[in-house]
C-alpha cells in the first residue's frame, strides 16, 4: 500500500508540472526499508512464539515429572517473555498463568490459584481464545472438586461443555471426560464413571497421551471394582502398570502395584501380596519416599508367612 501511495504522489506531482519531494529512487528505498522492517518484526514475533511454545512444553514436562521447582522456574520465565511480547503474546501469557495456578492449587495455595485462573480467563476472553477458556474451566473444576464443592465443580464443567463442540484437541476432550467421570464416581454413579473413562481413554489414545491413559486406567479400575467387576478391575490395573513401566514412571508403577497387592490380600494370596509389596517398597526407596517405604515394610511384616 505504501508503494502505491508513493508512486501515486510522484505521478501527481509530475502531471502538475511540479517536482516530487523526493527522487523516485529515494521513495523506492524507503519502501524497501519499510518492507524489511516488517519482515524483521515478523521474524522476531515468530522466534518469540516458538520460544514460548518450547517453554510451555518444558514446563508441562516438568509438572508431569513432579519437578515443581523446575516447573515454577520455567513458568516464571514464560510469563516474563510473554509479557515482553505485548498484546500479541496475551494467549501465551494466559497459558503460563494457568499453569502457575495449577501449581498453586496443587500446593494448597487456593487463593493464589483462584487469582491466576481469573487472570488467565481474562486474557483468553479478550483474545476470544475458546481453547484457553475451556482449559481454565476444567482446572477450576479440579480445584472445586479438591475443595469438596462438587456442585461448583459441576457448574464449571457445564461451562466447559458449552465450548466442547469447538475443541478439536483430543487430549483436552479426554481431560473433560475424565473430569466429568470423577464427579460421577464421587456421586457413586459407577457405571457412568466407567463409560466416561472409557471414552476418555479413546481420546487419549488418539492423542497418543500415554501418561493420561495410564492415570485414567487407574481411575477406571476403581470404578470397575466399586461396581463389583473385580476381575476386569485387576486386568485394567495390569494395563496401567504396563504403561507406567513403558513410561519409566516409578510413582505410577508403585501406585498400580500397591493396588494389585490389595486385590491379592482380598483373595488371601499372601505370597503374591508379599512379592508385590516388596516391589512397591523398592520403588518408594528409589523415589526417596522413605516414610511410604516404612509403611509398606509394616504391611509386609504383618502378613502371614505363606498360604501357598
C-alpha atoms as a PDB file:
ATOM      1  CA  UNK A   1       0.000   0.000   0.000  1.00  0.00           C
ATOM      2  CA  UNK A   2       2.842   2.368   0.847  1.00  0.00           C
ATOM      3  CA  UNK A   3       4.473   1.685  -2.538  1.00  0.00           C
ATOM      4  CA  UNK A   4       1.223   2.517  -4.356  1.00  0.00           C
ATOM      5  CA  UNK A   5       0.834   5.772  -2.425  1.00  0.00           C
ATOM      6  CA  UNK A   6       4.429   6.792  -3.107  1.00  0.00           C
ATOM      7  CA  UNK A   7       4.192   6.302  -6.838  1.00  0.00           C
ATOM      8  CA  UNK A   8       0.740   7.959  -6.945  1.00  0.00           C
ATOM      9  CA  UNK A   9       2.220  11.085  -5.365  1.00  0.00           C
ATOM     10  CA  UNK A  10       5.098  11.011  -7.809  1.00  0.00           C
ATOM     11  CA  UNK A  11       2.766  10.774 -10.809  1.00  0.00           C
ATOM     12  CA  UNK A  12       0.551  13.567  -9.458  1.00  0.00           C
ATOM     13  CA  UNK A  13       3.486  15.933  -8.973  1.00  0.00           C
ATOM     14  CA  UNK A  14       4.807  15.288 -12.465  1.00  0.00           C
ATOM     15  CA  UNK A  15       1.354  15.773 -14.054  1.00  0.00           C
ATOM     16  CA  UNK A  16       1.045  19.227 -12.432  1.00  0.00           C
ATOM     17  CA  UNK A  17       4.451  20.276 -13.637  1.00  0.00           C
ATOM     18  CA  UNK A  18       5.881  20.246 -10.157  1.00  0.00           C
ATOM     19  CA  UNK A  19       8.741  18.345  -8.671  1.00  0.00           C
ATOM     20  CA  UNK A  20       8.278  15.463  -6.258  1.00  0.00           C
ATOM     21  CA  UNK A  21       9.510  15.965  -2.703  1.00  0.00           C
ATOM     22  CA  UNK A  22      11.871  13.014  -3.134  1.00  0.00           C
ATOM     23  CA  UNK A  23      13.522  11.298  -6.020  1.00  0.00           C
ATOM     24  CA  UNK A  24      11.938   8.019  -7.229  1.00  0.00           C
ATOM     25  CA  UNK A  25      14.954   6.067  -6.056  1.00  0.00           C
ATOM     26  CA  UNK A  26      14.615   7.584  -2.562  1.00  0.00           C
ATOM     27  CA  UNK A  27      10.951   6.615  -2.384  1.00  0.00           C
ATOM     28  CA  UNK A  28      11.761   3.098  -3.553  1.00  0.00           C
ATOM     29  CA  UNK A  29      14.489   2.834  -0.919  1.00  0.00           C
ATOM     30  CA  UNK A  30      12.002   3.971   1.728  1.00  0.00           C
ATOM     31  CA  UNK A  31       9.513   1.309   0.629  1.00  0.00           C
ATOM     32  CA  UNK A  32      12.217  -1.354   0.725  1.00  0.00           C
ATOM     33  CA  UNK A  33      13.284  -0.280   4.216  1.00  0.00           C
ATOM     34  CA  UNK A  34       9.698  -0.408   5.419  1.00  0.00           C
ATOM     35  CA  UNK A  35       9.249  -3.892   3.976  1.00  0.00           C
ATOM     36  CA  UNK A  36      12.489  -5.077   5.540  1.00  0.00           C
ATOM     37  CA  UNK A  37      11.378  -3.721   8.911  1.00  0.00           C
ATOM     38  CA  UNK A  38       8.046  -5.554   8.661  1.00  0.00           C
ATOM     39  CA  UNK A  39       9.794  -8.787   7.708  1.00  0.00           C
ATOM     40  CA  UNK A  40      12.189  -8.417  10.643  1.00  0.00           C
ATOM     41  CA  UNK A  41       9.269  -7.824  13.007  1.00  0.00           C
ATOM     42  CA  UNK A  42       7.517 -10.926  11.706  1.00  0.00           C
ATOM     43  CA  UNK A  43      10.672 -12.992  12.160  1.00  0.00           C
ATOM     44  CA  UNK A  44      11.087 -11.673  15.697  1.00  0.00           C
ATOM     45  CA  UNK A  45       7.471 -12.496  16.538  1.00  0.00           C
ATOM     46  CA  UNK A  46       7.889 -15.995  15.122  1.00  0.00           C
ATOM     47  CA  UNK A  47      11.059 -16.575  17.147  1.00  0.00           C
ATOM     48  CA  UNK A  48       9.281 -15.458  20.335  1.00  0.00           C
ATOM     49  CA  UNK A  49       6.264 -17.652  19.585  1.00  0.00           C
ATOM     50  CA  UNK A  50       8.490 -20.694  19.094  1.00  0.00           C
ATOM     51  CA  UNK A  51      10.380 -19.896  22.298  1.00  0.00           C
ATOM     52  CA  UNK A  52       7.131 -19.627  24.280  1.00  0.00           C
ATOM     53  CA  UNK A  53       5.826 -22.911  22.840  1.00  0.00           C
ATOM     54  CA  UNK A  54       9.074 -24.645  23.846  1.00  0.00           C
ATOM     55  CA  UNK A  55       8.975 -23.165  27.348  1.00  0.00           C
ATOM     56  CA  UNK A  56       5.376 -24.293  27.832  1.00  0.00           C
ATOM     57  CA  UNK A  57       6.202 -27.825  26.680  1.00  0.00           C
ATOM     58  CA  UNK A  58       9.170 -27.932  29.070  1.00  0.00           C
ATOM     59  CA  UNK A  59       7.062 -26.619  31.956  1.00  0.00           C
ATOM     60  CA  UNK A  60       4.369 -29.223  31.361  1.00  0.00           C
ATOM     61  CA  UNK A  61       7.022 -31.965  31.176  1.00  0.00           C
ATOM     62  CA  UNK A  62       8.465 -30.783  34.496  1.00  0.00           C
ATOM     63  CA  UNK A  63       4.999 -30.882  36.051  1.00  0.00           C
ATOM     64  CA  UNK A  64       4.450 -34.433  34.751  1.00  0.00           C
ATOM     65  CA  UNK A  65       7.831 -35.435  36.208  1.00  0.00           C
ATOM     66  CA  UNK A  66       6.888 -33.952  39.583  1.00  0.00           C
ATOM     67  CA  UNK A  67       9.682 -31.350  39.448  1.00  0.00           C
ATOM     68  CA  UNK A  68       7.734 -28.399  40.837  1.00  0.00           C
ATOM     69  CA  UNK A  69      10.807 -26.194  41.306  1.00  0.00           C
ATOM     70  CA  UNK A  70      11.840 -26.515  37.663  1.00  0.00           C
ATOM     71  CA  UNK A  71       8.250 -26.072  36.503  1.00  0.00           C
ATOM     72  CA  UNK A  72       7.968 -22.874  38.536  1.00  0.00           C
ATOM     73  CA  UNK A  73      11.215 -21.530  37.075  1.00  0.00           C
ATOM     74  CA  UNK A  74      10.090 -22.227  33.512  1.00  0.00           C
ATOM     75  CA  UNK A  75       6.668 -20.696  34.137  1.00  0.00           C
ATOM     76  CA  UNK A  76       8.184 -17.506  35.570  1.00  0.00           C
ATOM     77  CA  UNK A  77      10.431 -17.222  32.550  1.00  0.00           C
ATOM     78  CA  UNK A  78       7.480 -17.843  30.226  1.00  0.00           C
ATOM     79  CA  UNK A  79       5.355 -15.159  31.899  1.00  0.00           C
ATOM     80  CA  UNK A  80       8.209 -12.679  31.617  1.00  0.00           C
ATOM     81  CA  UNK A  81       8.948 -13.406  27.964  1.00  0.00           C
ATOM     82  CA  UNK A  82       5.246 -13.366  27.017  1.00  0.00           C
ATOM     83  CA  UNK A  83       4.742 -10.051  28.839  1.00  0.00           C
ATOM     84  CA  UNK A  84       7.622  -8.576  26.851  1.00  0.00           C
ATOM     85  CA  UNK A  85       5.845  -9.608  23.654  1.00  0.00           C
ATOM     86  CA  UNK A  86       2.904  -7.305  24.362  1.00  0.00           C
ATOM     87  CA  UNK A  87      -0.689  -7.904  23.309  1.00  0.00           C
ATOM     88  CA  UNK A  88       0.357 -10.328  20.576  1.00  0.00           C
ATOM     89  CA  UNK A  89       1.517 -12.756  23.281  1.00  0.00           C
ATOM     90  CA  UNK A  90      -1.554 -12.453  25.529  1.00  0.00           C
ATOM     91  CA  UNK A  91      -2.727 -16.016  24.853  1.00  0.00           C
ATOM     92  CA  UNK A  92       0.708 -17.448  25.595  1.00  0.00           C
ATOM     93  CA  UNK A  93       0.877 -15.416  28.806  1.00  0.00           C
ATOM     94  CA  UNK A  94      -2.547 -16.734  29.770  1.00  0.00           C
ATOM     95  CA  UNK A  95      -1.344 -20.300  29.349  1.00  0.00           C
ATOM     96  CA  UNK A  96       1.641 -19.744  31.634  1.00  0.00           C
ATOM     97  CA  UNK A  97      -0.542 -18.023  34.236  1.00  0.00           C
ATOM     98  CA  UNK A  98      -2.917 -21.004  34.046  1.00  0.00           C
ATOM     99  CA  UNK A  99      -0.039 -23.409  34.709  1.00  0.00           C
ATOM    100  CA  UNK A 100       1.080 -21.224  37.616  1.00  0.00           C
ATOM    101  CA  UNK A 101      -2.431 -21.511  39.022  1.00  0.00           C
ATOM    102  CA  UNK A 102      -2.244 -25.306  38.762  1.00  0.00           C
ATOM    103  CA  UNK A 103       0.983 -25.334  40.775  1.00  0.00           C
ATOM    104  CA  UNK A 104      -0.599 -23.088  43.396  1.00  0.00           C
ATOM    105  CA  UNK A 105      -3.688 -25.317  43.595  1.00  0.00           C
ATOM    106  CA  UNK A 106      -1.651 -28.484  43.986  1.00  0.00           C
ATOM    107  CA  UNK A 107       0.407 -26.816  46.728  1.00  0.00           C
ATOM    108  CA  UNK A 108      -2.781 -25.877  48.601  1.00  0.00           C
ATOM    109  CA  UNK A 109      -2.487 -22.132  47.877  1.00  0.00           C
ATOM    110  CA  UNK A 110      -6.118 -21.831  46.869  1.00  0.00           C
ATOM    111  CA  UNK A 111      -6.365 -18.017  46.900  1.00  0.00           C
ATOM    112  CA  UNK A 112      -3.351 -17.746  44.590  1.00  0.00           C
ATOM    113  CA  UNK A 113      -4.791 -20.410  42.310  1.00  0.00           C
ATOM    114  CA  UNK A 114      -8.149 -18.648  42.019  1.00  0.00           C
ATOM    115  CA  UNK A 115      -6.413 -15.361  41.209  1.00  0.00           C
ATOM    116  CA  UNK A 116      -4.296 -16.947  38.490  1.00  0.00           C
ATOM    117  CA  UNK A 117      -7.304 -18.699  36.965  1.00  0.00           C
ATOM    118  CA  UNK A 118      -9.216 -15.392  36.898  1.00  0.00           C
ATOM    119  CA  UNK A 119      -6.260 -13.614  35.262  1.00  0.00           C
ATOM    120  CA  UNK A 120      -5.820 -16.359  32.674  1.00  0.00           C
ATOM    121  CA  UNK A 121      -9.534 -16.357  31.882  1.00  0.00           C
ATOM    122  CA  UNK A 122      -9.478 -12.575  31.377  1.00  0.00           C
ATOM    123  CA  UNK A 123      -6.639 -12.862  28.860  1.00  0.00           C
ATOM    124  CA  UNK A 124      -8.381 -15.679  26.984  1.00  0.00           C
ATOM    125  CA  UNK A 125     -11.675 -13.792  26.882  1.00  0.00           C
ATOM    126  CA  UNK A 126     -10.040 -10.640  25.497  1.00  0.00           C
ATOM    127  CA  UNK A 127      -8.401 -12.708  22.746  1.00  0.00           C
ATOM    128  CA  UNK A 128     -11.533 -14.848  22.148  1.00  0.00           C
ATOM    129  CA  UNK A 129      -9.470 -17.987  22.802  1.00  0.00           C
ATOM    130  CA  UNK A 130     -12.056 -20.700  23.492  1.00  0.00           C
ATOM    131  CA  UNK A 131      -9.425 -23.379  23.917  1.00  0.00           C
ATOM    132  CA  UNK A 132      -7.877 -21.435  26.773  1.00  0.00           C
ATOM    133  CA  UNK A 133     -11.256 -20.726  28.367  1.00  0.00           C
ATOM    134  CA  UNK A 134     -12.144 -24.427  28.118  1.00  0.00           C
ATOM    135  CA  UNK A 135      -8.936 -25.413  29.897  1.00  0.00           C
ATOM    136  CA  UNK A 136      -9.497 -22.878  32.680  1.00  0.00           C
ATOM    137  CA  UNK A 137     -12.977 -24.281  33.314  1.00  0.00           C
ATOM    138  CA  UNK A 138     -11.502 -27.789  33.625  1.00  0.00           C
ATOM    139  CA  UNK A 139      -8.810 -26.672  36.069  1.00  0.00           C
ATOM    140  CA  UNK A 140     -11.298 -24.680  38.125  1.00  0.00           C
ATOM    141  CA  UNK A 141     -13.480 -27.789  38.286  1.00  0.00           C
ATOM    142  CA  UNK A 142     -10.475 -29.711  39.611  1.00  0.00           C
ATOM    143  CA  UNK A 143      -9.950 -27.055  42.273  1.00  0.00           C
ATOM    144  CA  UNK A 144     -13.609 -27.137  43.351  1.00  0.00           C
ATOM    145  CA  UNK A 145     -13.561 -30.935  43.492  1.00  0.00           C
ATOM    146  CA  UNK A 146     -10.431 -30.855  45.658  1.00  0.00           C
ATOM    147  CA  UNK A 147     -12.252 -28.417  47.968  1.00  0.00           C
ATOM    148  CA  UNK A 148     -15.199 -30.802  48.176  1.00  0.00           C
ATOM    149  CA  UNK A 149     -17.603 -28.429  46.427  1.00  0.00           C
ATOM    150  CA  UNK A 150     -18.946 -30.836  43.818  1.00  0.00           C
ATOM    151  CA  UNK A 151     -21.843 -28.566  42.834  1.00  0.00           C
ATOM    152  CA  UNK A 152     -19.374 -25.786  41.959  1.00  0.00           C
ATOM    153  CA  UNK A 153     -17.240 -28.281  40.028  1.00  0.00           C
ATOM    154  CA  UNK A 154     -20.289 -29.344  38.030  1.00  0.00           C
ATOM    155  CA  UNK A 155     -21.038 -25.698  37.176  1.00  0.00           C
ATOM    156  CA  UNK A 156     -17.524 -25.235  35.825  1.00  0.00           C
ATOM    157  CA  UNK A 157     -17.842 -28.399  33.753  1.00  0.00           C
ATOM    158  CA  UNK A 158     -21.198 -27.209  32.379  1.00  0.00           C
ATOM    159  CA  UNK A 159     -19.395 -24.079  31.140  1.00  0.00           C
ATOM    160  CA  UNK A 160     -16.732 -26.278  29.555  1.00  0.00           C
ATOM    161  CA  UNK A 161     -19.379 -28.462  27.929  1.00  0.00           C
ATOM    162  CA  UNK A 162     -20.784 -25.441  26.082  1.00  0.00           C
ATOM    163  CA  UNK A 163     -17.378 -24.990  24.433  1.00  0.00           C
ATOM    164  CA  UNK A 164     -16.724 -28.695  23.811  1.00  0.00           C
ATOM    165  CA  UNK A 165     -18.048 -28.830  20.188  1.00  0.00           C
ATOM    166  CA  UNK A 166     -15.389 -26.328  19.114  1.00  0.00           C
ATOM    167  CA  UNK A 167     -12.489 -28.139  20.811  1.00  0.00           C
ATOM    168  CA  UNK A 168     -10.562 -30.287  18.343  1.00  0.00           C
ATOM    169  CA  UNK A 169      -7.778 -31.255  20.770  1.00  0.00           C
ATOM    170  CA  UNK A 170      -8.169 -34.958  21.637  1.00  0.00           C
ATOM    171  CA  UNK A 171      -6.201 -34.626  24.840  1.00  0.00           C
ATOM    172  CA  UNK A 172      -8.395 -31.792  26.116  1.00  0.00           C
ATOM    173  CA  UNK A 173     -11.532 -33.699  25.186  1.00  0.00           C
ATOM    174  CA  UNK A 174     -10.156 -36.617  27.174  1.00  0.00           C
ATOM    175  CA  UNK A 175      -9.473 -34.288  30.109  1.00  0.00           C
ATOM    176  CA  UNK A 176     -13.098 -33.154  30.044  1.00  0.00           C
ATOM    177  CA  UNK A 177     -14.460 -36.699  30.111  1.00  0.00           C
ATOM    178  CA  UNK A 178     -12.027 -37.750  32.821  1.00  0.00           C
ATOM    179  CA  UNK A 179     -13.070 -34.810  34.978  1.00  0.00           C
ATOM    180  CA  UNK A 180     -16.811 -35.476  34.497  1.00  0.00           C
ATOM    181  CA  UNK A 181     -16.147 -39.136  35.282  1.00  0.00           C
ATOM    182  CA  UNK A 182     -14.533 -38.201  38.580  1.00  0.00           C
ATOM    183  CA  UNK A 183     -17.687 -36.373  39.651  1.00  0.00           C
ATOM    184  CA  UNK A 184     -19.815 -39.340  38.613  1.00  0.00           C
ATOM    185  CA  UNK A 185     -17.567 -41.558  40.742  1.00  0.00           C
ATOM    186  CA  UNK A 186     -17.847 -39.421  43.888  1.00  0.00           C
ATOM    187  CA  UNK A 187     -21.625 -39.468  43.381  1.00  0.00           C
ATOM    188  CA  UNK A 188     -21.371 -43.301  43.355  1.00  0.00           C
ATOM    189  CA  UNK A 189     -22.593 -43.449  39.730  1.00  0.00           C
ATOM    190  CA  UNK A 190     -20.041 -46.132  38.902  1.00  0.00           C
ATOM    191  CA  UNK A 191     -21.421 -47.291  35.511  1.00  0.00           C
ATOM    192  CA  UNK A 192     -21.467 -43.661  34.339  1.00  0.00           C
ATOM    193  CA  UNK A 193     -17.909 -43.166  35.579  1.00  0.00           C
ATOM    194  CA  UNK A 194     -16.773 -46.290  33.725  1.00  0.00           C
ATOM    195  CA  UNK A 195     -18.400 -45.180  30.478  1.00  0.00           C
ATOM    196  CA  UNK A 196     -16.893 -41.698  30.696  1.00  0.00           C
ATOM    197  CA  UNK A 197     -13.407 -43.017  31.456  1.00  0.00           C
ATOM    198  CA  UNK A 198     -13.582 -45.488  28.577  1.00  0.00           C
ATOM    199  CA  UNK A 199     -14.388 -42.565  26.284  1.00  0.00           C
ATOM    200  CA  UNK A 200     -11.541 -40.559  27.822  1.00  0.00           C
ATOM    201  CA  UNK A 201      -9.175 -43.448  27.074  1.00  0.00           C
ATOM    202  CA  UNK A 202     -10.211 -43.350  23.419  1.00  0.00           C
ATOM    203  CA  UNK A 203      -9.437 -39.632  23.253  1.00  0.00           C
ATOM    204  CA  UNK A 204      -6.079 -40.090  24.966  1.00  0.00           C
ATOM    205  CA  UNK A 205      -5.232 -42.967  22.646  1.00  0.00           C
ATOM    206  CA  UNK A 206      -5.956 -40.741  19.637  1.00  0.00           C
ATOM    207  CA  UNK A 207      -3.722 -38.059  21.170  1.00  0.00           C
ATOM    208  CA  UNK A 208      -1.026 -40.644  21.998  1.00  0.00           C
ATOM    209  CA  UNK A 209      -1.094 -39.365  25.569  1.00  0.00           C
ATOM    210  CA  UNK A 210       0.176 -42.483  27.327  1.00  0.00           C
ATOM    211  CA  UNK A 211       0.569 -40.952  30.773  1.00  0.00           C
ATOM    212  CA  UNK A 212      -3.029 -39.750  30.705  1.00  0.00           C
ATOM    213  CA  UNK A 213      -4.101 -43.202  29.549  1.00  0.00           C
ATOM    214  CA  UNK A 214      -2.274 -44.863  32.435  1.00  0.00           C
ATOM    215  CA  UNK A 215      -3.717 -42.477  35.027  1.00  0.00           C
ATOM    216  CA  UNK A 216      -7.224 -42.936  33.628  1.00  0.00           C
ATOM    217  CA  UNK A 217      -6.829 -46.714  33.750  1.00  0.00           C
ATOM    218  CA  UNK A 218      -6.162 -46.407  37.488  1.00  0.00           C
ATOM    219  CA  UNK A 219      -9.418 -44.484  37.861  1.00  0.00           C
ATOM    220  CA  UNK A 220     -11.310 -46.951  35.688  1.00  0.00           C
ATOM    221  CA  UNK A 221     -10.090 -49.866  37.802  1.00  0.00           C
ATOM    222  CA  UNK A 222     -11.528 -48.179  40.907  1.00  0.00           C
ATOM    223  CA  UNK A 223     -14.950 -47.787  39.270  1.00  0.00           C
ATOM    224  CA  UNK A 224     -14.923 -51.362  37.945  1.00  0.00           C
ATOM    225  CA  UNK A 225     -14.055 -52.642  41.402  1.00  0.00           C
ATOM    226  CA  UNK A 226     -16.766 -50.477  43.003  1.00  0.00           C
ATOM    227  CA  UNK A 227     -19.416 -51.865  40.667  1.00  0.00           C
ATOM    228  CA  UNK A 228     -18.304 -55.427  41.537  1.00  0.00           C
ATOM    229  CA  UNK A 229     -16.284 -56.376  38.437  1.00  0.00           C
ATOM    230  CA  UNK A 230     -13.103 -57.402  40.290  1.00  0.00           C
ATOM    231  CA  UNK A 231     -11.519 -59.484  37.514  1.00  0.00           C
ATOM    232  CA  UNK A 232     -11.887 -56.678  34.987  1.00  0.00           C
ATOM    233  CA  UNK A 233     -10.516 -54.182  37.509  1.00  0.00           C
ATOM    234  CA  UNK A 234      -7.431 -56.339  38.019  1.00  0.00           C
ATOM    235  CA  UNK A 235      -6.817 -56.548  34.254  1.00  0.00           C
ATOM    236  CA  UNK A 236      -7.252 -52.791  33.966  1.00  0.00           C
ATOM    237  CA  UNK A 237      -4.645 -52.258  36.694  1.00  0.00           C
ATOM    238  CA  UNK A 238      -2.229 -54.551  34.866  1.00  0.00           C
ATOM    239  CA  UNK A 239      -2.677 -52.451  31.710  1.00  0.00           C
ATOM    240  CA  UNK A 240      -1.965 -49.305  33.723  1.00  0.00           C
ATOM    241  CA  UNK A 241       1.143 -50.906  35.212  1.00  0.00           C
ATOM    242  CA  UNK A 242       2.452 -51.862  31.766  1.00  0.00           C
ATOM    243  CA  UNK A 243       2.062 -48.265  30.562  1.00  0.00           C
ATOM    244  CA  UNK A 244       3.767 -46.836  33.641  1.00  0.00           C
ATOM    245  CA  UNK A 245       6.667 -49.256  33.111  1.00  0.00           C
ATOM    246  CA  UNK A 246       6.910 -48.170  29.469  1.00  0.00           C
ATOM    247  CA  UNK A 247       6.973 -44.525  30.567  1.00  0.00           C
ATOM    248  CA  UNK A 248       9.525 -45.189  33.284  1.00  0.00           C
ATOM    249  CA  UNK A 249       7.085 -43.654  35.796  1.00  0.00           C
ATOM    250  CA  UNK A 250       8.035 -45.244  39.126  1.00  0.00           C
ATOM    251  CA  UNK A 251       5.396 -43.304  41.020  1.00  0.00           C
ATOM    252  CA  UNK A 252       2.707 -44.750  38.770  1.00  0.00           C
ATOM    253  CA  UNK A 253       4.207 -48.223  38.983  1.00  0.00           C
ATOM    254  CA  UNK A 254       4.143 -48.089  42.786  1.00  0.00           C
ATOM    255  CA  UNK A 255       0.505 -46.993  42.772  1.00  0.00           C
ATOM    256  CA  UNK A 256      -0.596 -49.769  40.388  1.00  0.00           C
ATOM    257  CA  UNK A 257       1.401 -52.458  42.216  1.00  0.00           C
ATOM    258  CA  UNK A 258       0.054 -51.343  45.595  1.00  0.00           C
ATOM    259  CA  UNK A 259      -3.486 -51.618  44.285  1.00  0.00           C
ATOM    260  CA  UNK A 260      -2.782 -55.071  42.852  1.00  0.00           C
ATOM    261  CA  UNK A 261      -1.401 -56.094  46.245  1.00  0.00           C
ATOM    262  CA  UNK A 262      -4.739 -55.051  47.727  1.00  0.00           C
ATOM    263  CA  UNK A 263      -6.559 -57.448  45.393  1.00  0.00           C
ATOM    264  CA  UNK A 264      -4.163 -60.241  46.401  1.00  0.00           C
ATOM    265  CA  UNK A 265      -4.892 -59.514  50.057  1.00  0.00           C
ATOM    266  CA  UNK A 266      -8.638 -59.751  49.469  1.00  0.00           C
ATOM    267  CA  UNK A 267      -8.099 -63.115  47.781  1.00  0.00           C
ATOM    268  CA  UNK A 268      -5.859 -64.169  50.700  1.00  0.00           C
ATOM    269  CA  UNK A 269      -2.986 -64.751  48.280  1.00  0.00           C
ATOM    270  CA  UNK A 270      -0.408 -63.644  50.807  1.00  0.00           C
ATOM    271  CA  UNK A 271       2.710 -64.862  48.990  1.00  0.00           C
ATOM    272  CA  UNK A 272       1.673 -62.876  45.934  1.00  0.00           C
ATOM    273  CA  UNK A 273       0.854 -59.879  48.092  1.00  0.00           C
ATOM    274  CA  UNK A 274       4.273 -60.071  49.740  1.00  0.00           C
ATOM    275  CA  UNK A 275       6.000 -60.158  46.346  1.00  0.00           C
ATOM    276  CA  UNK A 276       4.039 -57.158  45.074  1.00  0.00           C
ATOM    277  CA  UNK A 277       4.584 -55.140  48.243  1.00  0.00           C
ATOM    278  CA  UNK A 278       8.309 -55.863  48.141  1.00  0.00           C
ATOM    279  CA  UNK A 279       8.411 -54.279  44.677  1.00  0.00           C
ATOM    280  CA  UNK A 280       6.416 -51.306  45.954  1.00  0.00           C
ATOM    281  CA  UNK A 281       8.838 -50.792  48.856  1.00  0.00           C
ATOM    282  CA  UNK A 282      11.820 -50.890  46.475  1.00  0.00           C
ATOM    283  CA  UNK A 283      10.182 -48.277  44.237  1.00  0.00           C
ATOM    284  CA  UNK A 284       9.478 -45.988  47.188  1.00  0.00           C
ATOM    285  CA  UNK A 285      13.116 -46.306  48.253  1.00  0.00           C
ATOM    286  CA  UNK A 286      14.244 -45.347  44.738  1.00  0.00           C
ATOM    287  CA  UNK A 287      11.922 -42.364  44.789  1.00  0.00           C
ATOM    288  CA  UNK A 288      13.235 -41.235  48.172  1.00  0.00           C
ATOM    289  CA  UNK A 289       9.822 -41.682  49.769  1.00  0.00           C
ATOM    290  CA  UNK A 290      11.149 -43.254  52.924  1.00  0.00           C
ATOM    291  CA  UNK A 291       8.034 -42.756  55.055  1.00  0.00           C
ATOM    292  CA  UNK A 292       5.926 -44.593  52.440  1.00  0.00           C
ATOM    293  CA  UNK A 293       8.533 -47.354  52.268  1.00  0.00           C
ATOM    294  CA  UNK A 294       8.347 -47.785  56.055  1.00  0.00           C
ATOM    295  CA  UNK A 295       4.553 -48.113  55.902  1.00  0.00           C
ATOM    296  CA  UNK A 296       4.882 -50.829  53.263  1.00  0.00           C
ATOM    297  CA  UNK A 297       7.502 -52.617  55.389  1.00  0.00           C
ATOM    298  CA  UNK A 298       4.952 -52.731  58.206  1.00  0.00           C
ATOM    299  CA  UNK A 299       2.371 -54.173  55.826  1.00  0.00           C
ATOM    300  CA  UNK A 300       4.824 -56.870  54.766  1.00  0.00           C
ATOM    301  CA  UNK A 301       5.712 -57.674  58.393  1.00  0.00           C
ATOM    302  CA  UNK A 302       2.033 -58.110  59.265  1.00  0.00           C
ATOM    303  CA  UNK A 303       1.430 -60.749  56.557  1.00  0.00           C
ATOM    304  CA  UNK A 304       1.133 -64.457  57.393  1.00  0.00           C
ATOM    305  CA  UNK A 305       4.272 -66.337  56.383  1.00  0.00           C
ATOM    306  CA  UNK A 306       2.646 -68.175  53.467  1.00  0.00           C
ATOM    307  CA  UNK A 307      -0.564 -69.781  52.381  1.00  0.00           C
ATOM    308  CA  UNK A 308       0.562 -71.121  49.010  1.00  0.00           C
END
